[in-house]
Structures are given as structure tokens and as C-alpha cells.
Amino acid sequence: MSRKVISSYTFSKREIESSKPRLTPQPNEDRKLPRLYQGYLLRHDQGGYYILRDPVEPNGSLIREDLPYNLGYAIDLTRDDVSNLD
């Protein structure tokens, strides 16, 4: 005869509330100026924030430089009335 171990765990209301994701501010959709980092256009995709640098060789391809998420997100949140980080 095999035995099965059954365990249970109860959650308090406080634990459930604390585990919910926090509301994070989103970039302004009504902005008109592009966001720049070191003079390059800030871009965003599933991989995170990045810029495309000019190629080293004349006929080379653009160089993708990934930025730390915190930096890209902070630049993305800046308002139009605040100067771009150059």
C-alpha cells in the first residue's frame, strides 16, 4: 500500500495583495519628440531597449547596442518638456 502526502497552505489576504504586480508608469503616448540616447534614437522591442549605431565599415550593417532596462525605461518616461539625454 502506497501513501500519499498531501499538504496544504493557506494564503492570507495580505499575502495575496502583496503578491499582485505593482502599477508601473507607462511612457506617455501623446509625446511628440523622439527619445534619444547619445544622439541615437531609443528603440524598444521584446528584447528590451536599444539603439542602432552607425556601421564601422562604409557598407556595413547597423550595430545594435542594448541598454540596461532601467536606463531605457527612465529615458522612455521623460516628458517632452525635459531635454533629451545627450
PDB file of N, CA and C in Angstrom:
ATOM      1  N   MET A   1       0.841  -1.161   0.000  1.00  0.00           N
ATOM      2  CA  MET A   1       0.000   0.000   0.000  1.00  0.00           C
ATOM      3  C   MET A   1       0.896   1.238   0.000  1.00  0.00           C
ATOM      4  N   SER A   2       0.657   2.138  -0.932  1.00  0.00           N
ATOM      5  CA  SER A   2       1.468   3.357  -1.005  1.00  0.00           C
ATOM      6  C   SER A   2       0.738   4.499  -0.317  1.00  0.00           C
ATOM      7  N   ARG A   3       1.513   5.363   0.252  1.00  0.00           N
ATOM      8  CA  ARG A   3       0.938   6.507   0.953  1.00  0.00           C
ATOM      9  C   ARG A   3       1.181   7.769   0.141  1.00  0.00           C
ATOM     10  N   LYS A   4       0.242   8.645   0.190  1.00  0.00           N
ATOM     11  CA  LYS A   4       0.388   9.927  -0.481  1.00  0.00           C
ATOM     12  C   LYS A   4       0.411  11.008   0.579  1.00  0.00           C
ATOM     13  N   VAL A   5       1.329  11.904   0.410  1.00  0.00           N
ATOM     14  CA  VAL A   5       1.430  13.017   1.331  1.00  0.00           C
ATOM     15  C   VAL A   5       0.709  14.197   0.698  1.00  0.00           C
ATOM     16  N   ILE A   6      -0.225  14.711   1.416  1.00  0.00           N
ATOM     17  CA  ILE A   6      -0.979  15.868   0.938  1.00  0.00           C
ATOM     18  C   ILE A   6      -0.704  17.011   1.898  1.00  0.00           C
ATOM     19  N   SER A   7      -0.304  18.111   1.336  1.00  0.00           N
ATOM     20  CA  SER A   7      -0.063  19.274   2.182  1.00  0.00           C
ATOM     21  C   SER A   7      -0.918  20.428   1.677  1.00  0.00           C
ATOM     22  N   SER A   8      -1.187  21.312   2.541  1.00  0.00           N
ATOM     23  CA  SER A   8      -1.988  22.465   2.145  1.00  0.00           C
ATOM     24  C   SER A   8      -1.332  23.722   2.695  1.00  0.00           C
ATOM     25  N   TYR A   9      -1.636  24.795   2.068  1.00  0.00           N
ATOM     26  CA  TYR A   9      -1.114  26.084   2.503  1.00  0.00           C
ATOM     27  C   TYR A   9      -2.236  27.091   2.356  1.00  0.00           C
ATOM     28  N   THR A  10      -2.411  27.888   3.343  1.00  0.00           N
ATOM     29  CA  THR A  10      -3.453  28.916   3.267  1.00  0.00           C
ATOM     30  C   THR A  10      -2.788  30.272   3.067  1.00  0.00           C
ATOM     31  N   PHE A  11      -3.433  31.101   2.283  1.00  0.00           N
ATOM     32  CA  PHE A  11      -2.935  32.440   1.990  1.00  0.00           C
ATOM     33  C   PHE A  11      -3.761  33.461   2.745  1.00  0.00           C
ATOM     34  N   SER A  12      -3.086  34.386   3.331  1.00  0.00           N
ATOM     35  CA  SER A  12      -3.818  35.471   3.983  1.00  0.00           C
ATOM     36  C   SER A  12      -4.136  36.538   2.939  1.00  0.00           C
ATOM     37  N   LYS A  13      -5.067  37.365   3.236  1.00  0.00           N
ATOM     38  CA  LYS A  13      -5.451  38.434   2.320  1.00  0.00           C
ATOM     39  C   LYS A  13      -4.260  39.369   2.076  1.00  0.00           C
ATOM     40  N   ARG A  14      -3.468  39.596   3.103  1.00  0.00           N
ATOM     41  CA  ARG A  14      -2.297  40.470   2.974  1.00  0.00           C
ATOM     42  C   ARG A  14      -1.275  39.869   2.007  1.00  0.00           C
ATOM     43  N   GLU A  15      -1.045  38.563   2.067  1.00  0.00           N
ATOM     44  CA  GLU A  15      -0.107  37.915   1.161  1.00  0.00           C
ATOM     45  C   GLU A  15      -0.575  38.011  -0.285  1.00  0.00           C
ATOM     46  N   ILE A  16      -1.868  37.846  -0.492  1.00  0.00           N
ATOM     47  CA  ILE A  16      -2.422  37.926  -1.844  1.00  0.00           C
ATOM     48  C   ILE A  16      -2.273  39.341  -2.383  1.00  0.00           C
ATOM     49  N   GLU A  17      -2.575  40.339  -1.583  1.00  0.00           N
ATOM     50  CA  GLU A  17      -2.458  41.727  -2.019  1.00  0.00           C
ATOM     51  C   GLU A  17      -1.006  42.098  -2.302  1.00  0.00           C
ATOM     52  N   SER A  18      -0.081  41.621  -1.477  1.00  0.00           N
ATOM     53  CA  SER A  18       1.327  41.975  -1.670  1.00  0.00           C
ATOM     54  C   SER A  18       1.932  41.269  -2.881  1.00  0.00           C
ATOM     55  N   SER A  19       1.347  40.156  -3.318  1.00  0.00           N
ATOM     56  CA  SER A  19       1.890  39.441  -4.464  1.00  0.00           C
ATOM     57  C   SER A  19       1.388  39.989  -5.795  1.00  0.00           C
ATOM     58  N   LYS A  20       0.377  40.843  -5.777  1.00  0.00           N
ATOM     59  CA  LYS A  20      -0.129  41.425  -7.016  1.00  0.00           C
ATOM     60  C   LYS A  20       0.910  42.377  -7.591  1.00  0.00           C
ATOM     61  N   PRO A  21       1.014  42.431  -8.924  1.00  0.00           N
ATOM     62  CA  PRO A  21       2.001  43.340  -9.518  1.00  0.00           C
ATOM     63  C   PRO A  21       1.667  44.796  -9.221  1.00  0.00           C
ATOM     64  N   ARG A  22       2.708  45.555  -9.014  1.00  0.00           N
ATOM     65  CA  ARG A  22       2.548  46.977  -8.738  1.00  0.00           C
ATOM     66  C   ARG A  22       2.225  47.731 -10.030  1.00  0.00           C
ATOM     67  N   LEU A  23       1.526  48.817  -9.903  1.00  0.00           N
ATOM     68  CA  LEU A  23       1.227  49.657 -11.047  1.00  0.00           C
ATOM     69  C   LEU A  23       2.504  50.395 -11.439  1.00  0.00           C
ATOM     70  N   THR A  24       2.949  50.191 -12.660  1.00  0.00           N
ATOM     71  CA  THR A  24       4.147  50.873 -13.125  1.00  0.00           C
ATOM     72  C   THR A  24       3.752  51.929 -14.143  1.00  0.00           C
ATOM     73  N   PRO A  25       4.358  53.099 -14.084  1.00  0.00           N
ATOM     74  CA  PRO A  25       4.011  54.132 -15.047  1.00  0.00           C
ATOM     75  C   PRO A  25       4.406  53.725 -16.459  1.00  0.00           C
ATOM     76  N   GLN A  26       3.607  54.112 -17.412  1.00  0.00           N
ATOM     77  CA  GLN A  26       3.869  53.799 -18.807  1.00  0.00           C
ATOM     78  C   GLN A  26       4.322  55.062 -19.538  1.00  0.00           C
ATOM     79  N   PRO A  27       5.120  54.902 -20.587  1.00  0.00           N
ATOM     80  CA  PRO A  27       5.548  56.069 -21.350  1.00  0.00           C
ATOM     81  C   PRO A  27       4.344  56.823 -21.919  1.00  0.00           C
ATOM     82  N   ASN A  28       4.494  58.135 -22.003  1.00  0.00           N
ATOM     83  CA  ASN A  28       3.405  58.981 -22.497  1.00  0.00           C
ATOM     84  C   ASN A  28       3.139  58.703 -23.973  1.00  0.00           C
ATOM     85  N   GLU A  29       1.898  58.437 -24.304  1.00  0.00           N
ATOM     86  CA  GLU A  29       1.525  58.158 -25.688  1.00  0.00           C
ATOM     87  C   GLU A  29       1.352  59.437 -26.500  1.00  0.00           C
ATOM     88  N   ASP A  30       1.146  60.569 -25.830  1.00  0.00           N
ATOM     89  CA  ASP A  30       0.871  61.820 -26.537  1.00  0.00           C
ATOM     90  C   ASP A  30       2.129  62.645 -26.808  1.00  0.00           C
ATOM     91  N   ARG A  31       3.284  62.108 -26.553  1.00  0.00           N
ATOM     92  CA  ARG A  31       4.505  62.886 -26.769  1.00  0.00           C
ATOM     93  C   ARG A  31       4.788  63.029 -28.263  1.00  0.00           C
ATOM     94  N   LYS A  32       5.518  64.084 -28.594  1.00  0.00           N
ATOM     95  CA  LYS A  32       5.793  64.371 -29.987  1.00  0.00           C
ATOM     96  C   LYS A  32       7.277  64.240 -30.332  1.00  0.00           C
ATOM     97  N   LEU A  33       8.152  64.436 -29.354  1.00  0.00           N
ATOM     98  CA  LEU A  33       9.586  64.369 -29.605  1.00  0.00           C
ATOM     99  C   LEU A  33      10.109  62.944 -29.412  1.00  0.00           C
ATOM    100  N   PRO A  34      11.021  62.497 -30.277  1.00  0.00           N
ATOM    101  CA  PRO A  34      11.602  61.161 -30.088  1.00  0.00           C
ATOM    102  C   PRO A  34      12.556  61.152 -28.904  1.00  0.00           C
ATOM    103  N   ARG A  35      12.755  60.018 -28.317  1.00  0.00           N
ATOM    104  CA  ARG A  35      13.676  59.869 -27.203  1.00  0.00           C
ATOM    105  C   ARG A  35      15.040  59.490 -27.765  1.00  0.00           C
ATOM    106  N   LEU A  36      16.062  60.196 -27.310  1.00  0.00           N
ATOM    107  CA  LEU A  36      17.411  59.967 -27.806  1.00  0.00           C
ATOM    108  C   LEU A  36      18.334  59.559 -26.669  1.00  0.00           C
ATOM    109  N   TYR A  37      19.342  58.745 -26.999  1.00  0.00           N
ATOM    110  CA  TYR A  37      20.397  58.398 -26.067  1.00  0.00           C
ATOM    111  C   TYR A  37      21.712  58.540 -26.820  1.00  0.00           C
ATOM    112  N   GLN A  38      22.564  59.429 -26.367  1.00  0.00           N
ATOM    113  CA  GLN A  38      23.842  59.743 -27.003  1.00  0.00           C
ATOM    114  C   GLN A  38      23.655  60.092 -28.477  1.00  0.00           C
ATOM    115  N   GLY A  39      22.565  60.769 -28.791  1.00  0.00           N
ATOM    116  CA  GLY A  39      22.309  61.205 -30.153  1.00  0.00           C
ATOM    117  C   GLY A  39      21.643  60.160 -31.042  1.00  0.00           C
ATOM    118  N   TYR A  40      21.392  58.972 -30.530  1.00  0.00           N
ATOM    119  CA  TYR A  40      20.756  57.907 -31.312  1.00  0.00           C
ATOM    120  C   TYR A  40      19.327  57.692 -30.816  1.00  0.00           C
ATOM    121  N   LEU A  41      18.458  57.332 -31.746  1.00  0.00           N
ATOM    122  CA  LEU A  41      17.057  57.097 -31.427  1.00  0.00           C
ATOM    123  C   LEU A  41      16.907  55.897 -30.499  1.00  0.00           C
ATOM    124  N   LEU A  42      16.199  56.081 -29.400  1.00  0.00           N
ATOM    125  CA  LEU A  42      15.925  54.989 -28.464  1.00  0.00           C
ATOM    126  C   LEU A  42      14.837  54.100 -29.046  1.00  0.00           C
ATOM    127  N   ARG A  43      15.089  52.813 -29.081  1.00  0.00           N
ATOM    128  CA  ARG A  43      14.125  51.846 -29.621  1.00  0.00           C
ATOM    129  C   ARG A  43      13.806  50.810 -28.555  1.00  0.00           C
ATOM    130  N   HIS A  44      12.674  50.123 -28.749  1.00  0.00           N
ATOM    131  CA  HIS A  44      12.230  49.138 -27.770  1.00  0.00           C
ATOM    132  C   HIS A  44      11.589  47.971 -28.499  1.00  0.00           C
ATOM    133  N   ASP A  45      11.936  46.766 -28.097  1.00  0.00           N
ATOM    134  CA  ASP A  45      11.276  45.561 -28.597  1.00  0.00           C
ATOM    135  C   ASP A  45      11.212  44.547 -27.466  1.00  0.00           C
ATOM    136  N   GLN A  46      10.909  43.299 -27.778  1.00  0.00           N
ATOM    137  CA  GLN A  46      10.773  42.287 -26.737  1.00  0.00           C
ATOM    138  C   GLN A  46      12.080  42.036 -25.998  1.00  0.00           C
ATOM    139  N   GLY A  47      13.190  42.331 -26.644  1.00  0.00           N
ATOM    140  CA  GLY A  47      14.492  42.132 -26.009  1.00  0.00           C
ATOM    141  C   GLY A  47      14.871  43.245 -25.053  1.00  0.00           C
ATOM    142  N   GLY A  48      14.161  44.346 -25.090  1.00  0.00           N
ATOM    143  CA  GLY A  48      14.446  45.474 -24.213  1.00  0.00           C
ATOM    144  C   GLY A  48      14.717  46.743 -25.004  1.00  0.00           C
ATOM    145  N   TYR A  49      15.414  47.663 -24.380  1.00  0.00           N
ATOM    146  CA  TYR A  49      15.725  48.940 -25.008  1.00  0.00           C
ATOM    147  C   TYR A  49      17.085  48.851 -25.686  1.00  0.00           C
ATOM    148  N   TYR A  50      17.206  49.547 -26.837  1.00  0.00           N
ATOM    149  CA  TYR A  50      18.456  49.513 -27.576  1.00  0.00           C
ATOM    150  C   TYR A  50      18.562  50.738 -28.480  1.00  0.00           C
ATOM    151  N   ILE A  51      19.776  50.960 -29.003  1.00  0.00           N
ATOM    152  CA  ILE A  51      19.998  51.970 -30.027  1.00  0.00           C
ATOM    153  C   ILE A  51      20.708  51.291 -31.181  1.00  0.00           C
ATOM    154  N   LEU A  52      20.600  51.880 -32.366  1.00  0.00           N
ATOM    155  CA  LEU A  52      21.304  51.373 -33.536  1.00  0.00           C
ATOM    156  C   LEU A  52      22.397  52.363 -33.894  1.00  0.00           C
ATOM    157  N   ARG A  53      23.644  51.945 -33.710  1.00  0.00           N
ATOM    158  CA  ARG A  53      24.792  52.804 -34.021  1.00  0.00           C
ATOM    159  C   ARG A  53      25.148  52.669 -35.501  1.00  0.00           C
ATOM    160  N   ASP A  54      25.819  53.689 -36.003  1.00  0.00           N
ATOM    161  CA  ASP A  54      26.271  53.671 -37.392  1.00  0.00           C
ATOM    162  C   ASP A  54      27.299  52.560 -37.599  1.00  0.00           C
ATOM    163  N   PRO A  55      27.350  52.007 -38.805  1.00  0.00           N
ATOM    164  CA  PRO A  55      28.319  50.933 -39.069  1.00  0.00           C
ATOM    165  C   PRO A  55      29.750  51.451 -39.037  1.00  0.00           C
ATOM    166  N   VAL A  56      30.671  50.556 -38.681  1.00  0.00           N
ATOM    167  CA  VAL A  56      32.089  50.904 -38.657  1.00  0.00           C
ATOM    168  C   VAL A  56      32.613  50.981 -40.088  1.00  0.00           C
ATOM    169  N   GLU A  57      32.242  50.017 -40.912  1.00  0.00           N
ATOM    170  CA  GLU A  57      32.651  49.979 -42.316  1.00  0.00           C
ATOM    171  C   GLU A  57      31.636  50.741 -43.157  1.00  0.00           C
ATOM    172  N   PRO A  58      32.055  51.290 -44.281  1.00  0.00           N
ATOM    173  CA  PRO A  58      31.125  52.071 -45.114  1.00  0.00           C
ATOM    174  C   PRO A  58      29.887  51.288 -45.576  1.00  0.00           C
ATOM    175  N   ASN A  59      30.055  50.029 -45.923  1.00  0.00           N
ATOM    176  CA  ASN A  59      28.926  49.221 -46.400  1.00  0.00           C
ATOM    177  C   ASN A  59      28.449  48.221 -45.359  1.00  0.00           C
ATOM    178  N   GLY A  60      28.813  48.431 -44.112  1.00  0.00           N
ATOM    179  CA  GLY A  60      28.432  47.502 -43.047  1.00  0.00           C
ATOM    180  C   GLY A  60      27.001  47.722 -42.586  1.00  0.00           C
ATOM    181  N   SER A  61      26.544  46.851 -41.718  1.00  0.00           N
ATOM    182  CA  SER A  61      25.191  46.962 -41.182  1.00  0.00           C
ATOM    183  C   SER A  61      25.212  47.756 -39.879  1.00  0.00           C
ATOM    184  N   LEU A  62      24.060  48.216 -39.476  1.00  0.00           N
ATOM    185  CA  LEU A  62      23.944  48.970 -38.232  1.00  0.00           C
ATOM    186  C   LEU A  62      24.295  48.071 -37.056  1.00  0.00           C
ATOM    187  N   ILE A  63      24.828  48.668 -36.009  1.00  0.00           N
ATOM    188  CA  ILE A  63      25.240  47.915 -34.826  1.00  0.00           C
ATOM    189  C   ILE A  63      24.228  48.150 -33.718  1.00  0.00           C
ATOM    190  N   ARG A  64      23.621  47.080 -33.240  1.00  0.00           N
ATOM    191  CA  ARG A  64      22.655  47.182 -32.149  1.00  0.00           C
ATOM    192  C   ARG A  64      23.407  47.201 -30.826  1.00  0.00           C
ATOM    193  N   GLU A  65      23.104  48.203 -30.012  1.00  0.00           N
ATOM    194  CA  GLU A  65      23.701  48.277 -28.674  1.00  0.00           C
ATOM    195  C   GLU A  65      22.570  48.231 -27.662  1.00  0.00           C
ATOM    196  N   ASP A  66      22.517  47.151 -26.903  1.00  0.00           N
ATOM    197  CA  ASP A  66      21.476  47.004 -25.890  1.00  0.00           C
ATOM    198  C   ASP A  66      21.786  47.898 -24.698  1.00  0.00           C
ATOM    199  N   LEU A  67      20.740  48.495 -24.147  1.00  0.00           N
ATOM    200  CA  LEU A  67      20.865  49.343 -22.973  1.00  0.00           C
ATOM    201  C   LEU A  67      20.290  48.619 -21.765  1.00  0.00           C
ATOM    202  N   PRO A  68      20.783  48.904 -20.570  1.00  0.00           N
ATOM    203  CA  PRO A  68      20.148  48.345 -19.377  1.00  0.00           C
ATOM    204  C   PRO A  68      18.678  48.774 -19.332  1.00  0.00           C
ATOM    205  N   TYR A  69      17.814  47.859 -18.929  1.00  0.00           N
ATOM    206  CA  TYR A  69      16.382  48.138 -18.953  1.00  0.00           C
ATOM    207  C   TYR A  69      16.040  49.380 -18.130  1.00  0.00           C
ATOM    208  N   ASN A  70      16.655  49.527 -16.955  1.00  0.00           N
ATOM    209  CA  ASN A  70      16.350  50.672 -16.099  1.00  0.00           C
ATOM    210  C   ASN A  70      16.673  51.989 -16.790  1.00  0.00           C
ATOM    211  N   LEU A  71      17.783  52.043 -17.522  1.00  0.00           N
ATOM    212  CA  LEU A  71      18.168  53.257 -18.226  1.00  0.00           C
ATOM    213  C   LEU A  71      17.202  53.558 -19.362  1.00  0.00           C
ATOM    214  N   GLY A  72      16.917  52.566 -20.194  1.00  0.00           N
ATOM    215  CA  GLY A  72      15.996  52.764 -21.311  1.00  0.00           C
ATOM    216  C   GLY A  72      14.602  53.154 -20.853  1.00  0.00           C
ATOM    217  N   TYR A  73      14.136  52.522 -19.798  1.00  0.00           N
ATOM    218  CA  TYR A  73      12.806  52.812 -19.265  1.00  0.00           C
ATOM    219  C   TYR A  73      12.742  54.236 -18.715  1.00  0.00           C
ATOM    220  N   ALA A  74      13.798  54.670 -18.035  1.00  0.00           N
ATOM    221  CA  ALA A  74      13.837  56.028 -17.491  1.00  0.00           C
ATOM    222  C   ALA A  74      13.830  57.057 -18.610  1.00  0.00           C
ATOM    223  N   ILE A  75      14.590  56.808 -19.674  1.00  0.00           N
ATOM    224  CA  ILE A  75      14.595  57.732 -20.815  1.00  0.00           C
ATOM    225  C   ILE A  75      13.231  57.743 -21.480  1.00  0.00           C
ATOM    226  N   ASP A  76      12.619  56.581 -21.599  1.00  0.00           N
ATOM    227  CA  ASP A  76      11.306  56.462 -22.241  1.00  0.00           C
ATOM    228  C   ASP A  76      10.218  57.202 -21.463  1.00  0.00           C
ATOM    229  N   LEU A  77      10.381  57.330 -20.152  1.00  0.00           N
ATOM    230  CA  LEU A  77       9.376  58.002 -19.332  1.00  0.00           C
ATOM    231  C   LEU A  77       9.512  59.523 -19.315  1.00  0.00           C
ATOM    232  N   THR A  78      10.625  60.049 -19.823  1.00  0.00           N
ATOM    233  CA  THR A  78      10.807  61.501 -19.764  1.00  0.00           C
ATOM    234  C   THR A  78       9.740  62.211 -20.577  1.00  0.00           C
ATOM    235  N   ARG A  79       9.350  63.381 -20.087  1.00  0.00           N
ATOM    236  CA  ARG A  79       8.339  64.178 -20.768  1.00  0.00           C
ATOM    237  C   ARG A  79       8.980  65.008 -21.862  1.00  0.00           C
ATOM    238  N   ASP A  80       8.149  65.540 -22.758  1.00  0.00           N
ATOM    239  CA  ASP A  80       8.654  66.381 -23.840  1.00  0.00           C
ATOM    240  C   ASP A  80       9.298  67.655 -23.338  1.00  0.00           C
ATOM    241  N   ASP A  81       8.845  68.187 -22.215  1.00  0.00           N
ATOM    242  CA  ASP A  81       9.389  69.454 -21.735  1.00  0.00           C
ATOM    243  C   ASP A  81      10.730  69.294 -21.014  1.00  0.00           C
ATOM    244  N   VAL A  82      11.215  68.058 -20.892  1.00  0.00           N
ATOM    245  CA  VAL A  82      12.517  67.807 -20.287  1.00  0.00           C
ATOM    246  C   VAL A  82      13.473  67.497 -21.441  1.00  0.00           C
ATOM    247  N   SER A  83      14.654  68.091 -21.431  1.00  0.00           N
ATOM    248  CA  SER A  83      15.586  67.882 -22.536  1.00  0.00           C
ATOM    249  C   SER A  83      16.033  66.433 -22.602  1.00  0.00           C
ATOM    250  N   ASN A  84      16.318  65.956 -23.820  1.00  0.00           N
ATOM    251  CA  ASN A  84      16.802  64.587 -24.016  1.00  0.00           C
ATOM    252  C   ASN A  84      18.202  64.441 -23.460  1.00  0.00           C
ATOM    253  N   LEU A  85      18.537  63.221 -23.051  1.00  0.00           N
ATOM    254  CA  LEU A  85      19.880  62.945 -22.549  1.00  0.00           C
ATOM    255  C   LEU A  85      20.824  62.784 -23.723  1.00  0.00           C
ATOM    256  N   ASP A  86      21.730  63.661 -23.877  1.00  0.00           N
ATOM    257  CA  ASP A  86      22.721  63.577 -24.965  1.00  0.00           C
ATOM    258  C   ASP A  86      24.104  63.504 -24.407  1.00  0.00           C
TER     259      ASP A  86
END
